[in-house]
Amino acid sequence: MVEHNALSATREAYDAAASTYAELFRDTLRESPLDRAILGAFAEVVSASGDGQVADLGCGPGHITAHLDELGLAAFGVDASPAMIELARQAYPRLRFDVGSMAALNIADGVLGGVLSRWSVIHTPPQELPVILAEFHRVLAPGGHLLIGFSGSDDPSHPTQVFDHAVAPAYRWWPDHLSATLRKAGLAEVARMVREPQPTDRRQFQEIQLLARKAQAAAVRSNT
């Protein structure tokens, strides 16, 4: 299979930046009570729906996967960057980490209770996002939950906007537009968290996290 140039370039860029990235972001949750809160809520709804595994897609150096594990979820990580996966395996040898593409996951249909996509779709060209969301839908069990994080666009007339990410070209989304794209993929939004930029933030973008749910399978009615 010939990989799309955007995926190949992003993977190579993150391979080169892996050590720096891990150093910068490994402790970010300590200073982010809102992020801990939404991850905690995600863990609760996944646990309430059953005992399915949770995939942290675009897991980077594995610190969020480890946090999900601490919250009691059967979590594993997937990332396109072999260097990131190697760092994750070194830091958290008890957990599972796999190299893989979100557009073609090596995961069976309908086996996951949850999918976490934390800023991992921002490097995906908008026209290719439906393919990835279809994969999220495929691997989730009926009633399973997706938590997806991304940078918000500030102009509804331009639902996607390119921005100058430090590692690779990236896109931000108007939240309602991404929510509608999720809905077309069979993933209905049930909640969202919006974090306004702080004066000290380098980028003055909203940070959006949408919680969505795959519909339950239609109940089989008995005529007896």
Protein backbone atom coordinates (compact mmCIF):
# COMPACT_ATOMS: atom_id res chain seq x y z
CA MET A 1 0.00 0.00 0.00
CA VAL A 2 1.31 3.41 -0.98
CA GLU A 3 1.03 5.81 1.94
CA HIS A 4 -0.32 9.29 1.43
CA ASN A 5 2.42 11.91 1.38
CA ALA A 6 0.84 13.77 4.32
CA LEU A 7 1.02 10.69 6.54
CA SER A 8 4.57 9.87 5.51
CA ALA A 9 5.78 13.43 6.08
CA THR A 10 4.01 13.67 9.45
CA ARG A 11 5.46 10.36 10.62
CA GLU A 12 8.99 11.39 9.67
CA ALA A 13 8.58 14.78 11.39
CA TYR A 14 7.38 13.17 14.63
CA ASP A 15 10.14 10.57 14.48
CA ALA A 16 12.65 13.42 14.41
CA ALA A 17 10.94 15.34 17.22
CA ALA A 18 9.98 12.36 19.41
CA SER A 19 12.42 12.90 22.29
CA THR A 20 11.74 16.64 22.49
CA TYR A 21 8.00 16.08 22.31
CA ALA A 22 8.08 13.50 25.10
CA GLU A 23 10.06 15.85 27.33
CA LEU A 24 7.71 18.77 26.72
CA PHE A 25 4.39 16.98 27.15
CA ARG A 26 4.85 14.06 29.54
CA ASP A 27 3.69 16.07 32.59
CA THR A 28 1.06 18.31 30.98
CA LEU A 29 -1.90 16.63 32.69
CA ARG A 30 -0.62 17.75 36.10
CA GLU A 31 -1.29 21.34 35.08
CA SER A 32 -4.54 20.65 33.19
CA PRO A 33 -7.48 19.97 35.53
CA LEU A 34 -9.96 20.36 32.68
CA ASP A 35 -8.18 17.71 30.62
CA ARG A 36 -8.13 15.37 33.59
CA ALA A 37 -11.84 16.01 34.08
CA ILE A 38 -12.85 15.17 30.49
CA LEU A 39 -10.60 12.10 30.46
CA GLY A 40 -12.17 11.02 33.75
CA ALA A 41 -15.66 11.45 32.29
CA PHE A 42 -14.61 9.47 29.21
CA ALA A 43 -13.31 6.68 31.44
CA GLU A 44 -16.58 6.60 33.38
CA VAL A 45 -18.88 6.36 30.35
CA VAL A 46 -16.69 3.71 28.74
CA SER A 47 -16.63 1.66 31.93
CA ALA A 48 -20.38 2.01 32.32
CA SER A 49 -20.94 0.66 28.81
CA GLY A 50 -18.93 -2.54 29.33
CA ASP A 51 -15.44 -3.92 29.63
CA GLY A 52 -14.15 -3.27 26.10
CA GLN A 53 -10.62 -2.14 25.40
CA VAL A 54 -9.75 1.48 24.70
CA ALA A 55 -7.39 2.58 21.93
CA ASP A 56 -5.40 5.79 22.34
CA LEU A 57 -4.91 6.61 18.65
CA GLY A 58 -2.00 8.93 18.01
CA CYS A 59 -0.67 8.07 21.46
CA GLY A 60 2.74 9.70 21.03
CA PRO A 61 5.08 8.81 23.92
CA GLY A 62 2.29 7.05 25.81
CA HIS A 63 1.63 9.32 28.79
CA ILE A 64 -2.10 9.65 28.12
CA THR A 65 -2.42 5.89 27.52
CA ALA A 66 -0.82 5.40 30.93
CA HIS A 67 -3.29 7.85 32.48
CA LEU A 68 -6.21 5.91 31.00
CA ASP A 69 -4.72 2.76 32.50
CA GLU A 70 -4.57 4.50 35.89
CA LEU A 71 -8.27 5.34 35.49
CA GLY A 72 -9.01 1.63 35.25
CA LEU A 73 -9.37 1.23 31.48
CA ALA A 74 -7.83 -1.60 29.44
CA ALA A 75 -5.95 0.92 27.29
CA PHE A 76 -3.38 0.48 24.56
CA GLY A 77 -1.70 2.98 22.24
CA VAL A 78 -1.25 3.25 18.48
CA ASP A 79 0.91 5.79 16.66
CA ALA A 80 2.28 6.15 13.14
CA SER A 81 5.71 7.17 14.48
CA PRO A 82 7.99 4.23 15.33
CA ALA A 83 10.17 6.56 17.42
CA MET A 84 7.18 7.60 19.52
CA ILE A 85 6.16 3.99 20.04
CA GLU A 86 9.66 3.04 21.11
CA LEU A 87 9.66 5.82 23.72
CA ALA A 88 6.23 4.71 24.95
CA ARG A 89 7.36 1.10 25.31
CA GLN A 90 10.43 2.18 27.24
CA ALA A 91 8.47 4.43 29.59
CA TYR A 92 5.52 2.08 30.15
CA PRO A 93 6.71 -1.49 29.51
CA ARG A 94 3.60 -3.00 31.09
CA LEU A 95 1.31 -1.48 28.46
CA ARG A 96 0.79 -2.34 24.81
CA PHE A 97 1.89 0.06 22.08
CA ASP A 98 1.65 -0.60 18.33
CA VAL A 99 2.87 1.22 15.22
CA GLY A 100 -0.11 1.82 12.95
CA SER A 101 -2.17 4.20 10.83
CA MET A 102 -5.53 5.59 11.94
CA ALA A 103 -6.74 5.21 8.34
CA ALA A 104 -6.17 1.43 8.39
CA LEU A 105 -6.21 0.10 11.94
CA ASN A 106 -5.12 -3.45 12.67
CA ILE A 107 -8.09 -3.86 15.02
CA ALA A 108 -11.09 -6.12 14.55
CA ASP A 109 -14.57 -4.76 13.95
CA GLY A 110 -16.62 -3.67 16.94
CA VAL A 111 -14.24 -4.70 19.72
CA LEU A 112 -13.44 -1.39 21.44
CA GLY A 113 -15.38 0.23 24.23
CA GLY A 114 -13.64 3.54 23.56
CA VAL A 115 -11.39 5.44 21.19
CA LEU A 116 -9.32 8.43 22.25
CA SER A 117 -8.09 10.73 19.49
CA ARG A 118 -6.35 13.56 21.28
CA TRP A 119 -5.19 16.11 18.70
CA SER A 120 -4.16 13.17 16.48
CA VAL A 121 -6.39 14.17 13.54
CA ILE A 122 -5.10 17.72 13.22
CA HIS A 123 -2.53 16.74 10.58
CA THR A 124 -5.14 14.96 8.45
CA PRO A 125 -6.23 16.91 5.35
CA PRO A 126 -9.95 17.64 5.79
CA GLN A 127 -10.99 15.66 2.72
CA GLU A 128 -9.37 12.56 4.22
CA LEU A 129 -10.90 12.81 7.70
CA PRO A 130 -14.08 10.82 6.82
CA VAL A 131 -11.90 7.76 6.13
CA ILE A 132 -10.39 7.96 9.61
CA LEU A 133 -13.75 8.56 11.29
CA ALA A 134 -15.12 5.53 9.44
CA GLU A 135 -12.29 3.49 10.99
CA PHE A 136 -13.15 4.83 14.44
CA HIS A 137 -16.75 3.77 13.87
CA ARG A 138 -15.73 0.34 12.57
CA VAL A 139 -13.60 -0.62 15.57
CA LEU A 140 -16.02 0.70 18.21
CA ALA A 141 -18.58 -1.65 19.69
CA PRO A 142 -22.22 -0.52 19.55
CA GLY A 143 -22.61 2.06 22.31
CA GLY A 144 -18.86 2.70 22.40
CA HIS A 145 -17.52 6.23 22.90
CA LEU A 146 -15.06 8.44 21.05
CA LEU A 147 -13.31 11.41 22.66
CA ILE A 148 -11.71 13.57 19.99
CA GLY A 149 -9.64 16.69 20.67
CA PHE A 150 -8.65 19.39 18.19
CA SER A 151 -7.91 23.07 17.76
CA GLY A 152 -11.00 25.16 17.01
CA SER A 153 -11.48 27.47 14.07
CA ASP A 154 -12.81 30.94 14.89
CA ASP A 155 -14.68 31.50 11.61
CA PRO A 156 -17.78 29.40 10.83
CA SER A 157 -17.64 30.52 7.19
CA HIS A 158 -14.29 28.68 6.93
CA PRO A 159 -14.93 25.38 8.75
CA THR A 160 -11.30 24.28 8.40
CA GLN A 161 -8.21 26.47 8.59
CA VAL A 162 -4.53 25.63 8.16
CA PHE A 163 -2.17 26.71 10.93
CA ASP A 164 1.58 26.69 11.43
CA HIS A 165 2.16 23.69 13.65
CA ALA A 166 5.74 23.28 14.88
CA VAL A 167 6.06 19.70 13.60
CA ALA A 168 3.88 19.32 10.49
CA PRO A 169 1.11 21.17 8.62
CA ALA A 170 -2.09 21.11 10.66
CA TYR A 171 -5.76 22.05 10.49
CA ARG A 172 -8.25 23.46 12.94
CA TRP A 173 -11.99 22.92 12.69
CA TRP A 174 -15.18 24.82 13.39
CA PRO A 175 -16.62 22.60 16.17
CA ASP A 176 -20.12 22.29 14.73
CA HIS A 177 -18.68 21.27 11.37
CA LEU A 178 -16.58 18.51 12.90
CA SER A 179 -19.57 17.41 14.96
CA ALA A 180 -21.62 17.12 11.76
CA THR A 181 -18.80 15.13 10.15
CA LEU A 182 -18.83 12.78 13.12
CA ARG A 183 -22.59 12.38 12.79
CA LYS A 184 -22.25 11.40 9.13
CA ALA A 185 -19.81 8.69 10.25
CA GLY A 186 -22.38 7.31 12.70
CA LEU A 187 -20.92 8.96 15.81
CA ALA A 188 -23.35 11.27 17.58
CA GLU A 189 -22.01 14.04 19.82
CA VAL A 190 -23.17 13.75 23.42
CA ALA A 191 -21.01 16.45 25.05
CA ARG A 192 -18.24 18.93 24.36
CA MET A 193 -15.66 20.85 26.34
CA VAL A 194 -14.34 24.17 25.11
CA ARG A 195 -11.20 25.66 26.61
CA GLU A 196 -10.63 29.32 25.80
CA PRO A 197 -7.05 30.37 25.08
CA GLN A 198 -5.11 31.89 27.94
CA PRO A 199 -3.12 35.12 27.46
CA THR A 200 0.14 33.17 27.82
CA ASP A 201 -0.77 30.58 25.16
CA ARG A 202 1.38 30.76 22.05
CA ARG A 203 -1.63 30.10 19.84
CA GLN A 204 -4.84 31.93 20.58
CA PHE A 205 -7.08 29.03 19.55
CA GLN A 206 -9.91 27.37 21.38
CA GLU A 207 -9.20 23.78 22.40
CA ILE A 208 -12.21 21.57 21.72
CA GLN A 209 -12.93 18.08 22.96
CA LEU A 210 -16.03 16.30 21.65
CA LEU A 211 -17.46 13.18 23.25
CA ALA A 212 -19.42 11.10 20.75
CA ARG A 213 -21.16 7.74 20.85
CA LYS A 214 -21.72 4.99 18.32
CA ALA A 215 -25.36 3.96 18.18
CA GLN A 216 -26.47 0.77 19.87
CA ALA A 217 -27.34 -2.10 17.57
CA ALA A 218 -31.02 -2.23 16.82
CA ALA A 219 -32.81 -4.40 19.33
CA VAL A 220 -33.99 -7.71 18.01
CA ARG A 221 -37.70 -8.04 18.70
CA SER A 222 -39.22 -11.39 19.41
CA ASN A 223 -42.65 -12.30 18.15
CA THR A 224 -43.08 -14.84 20.90
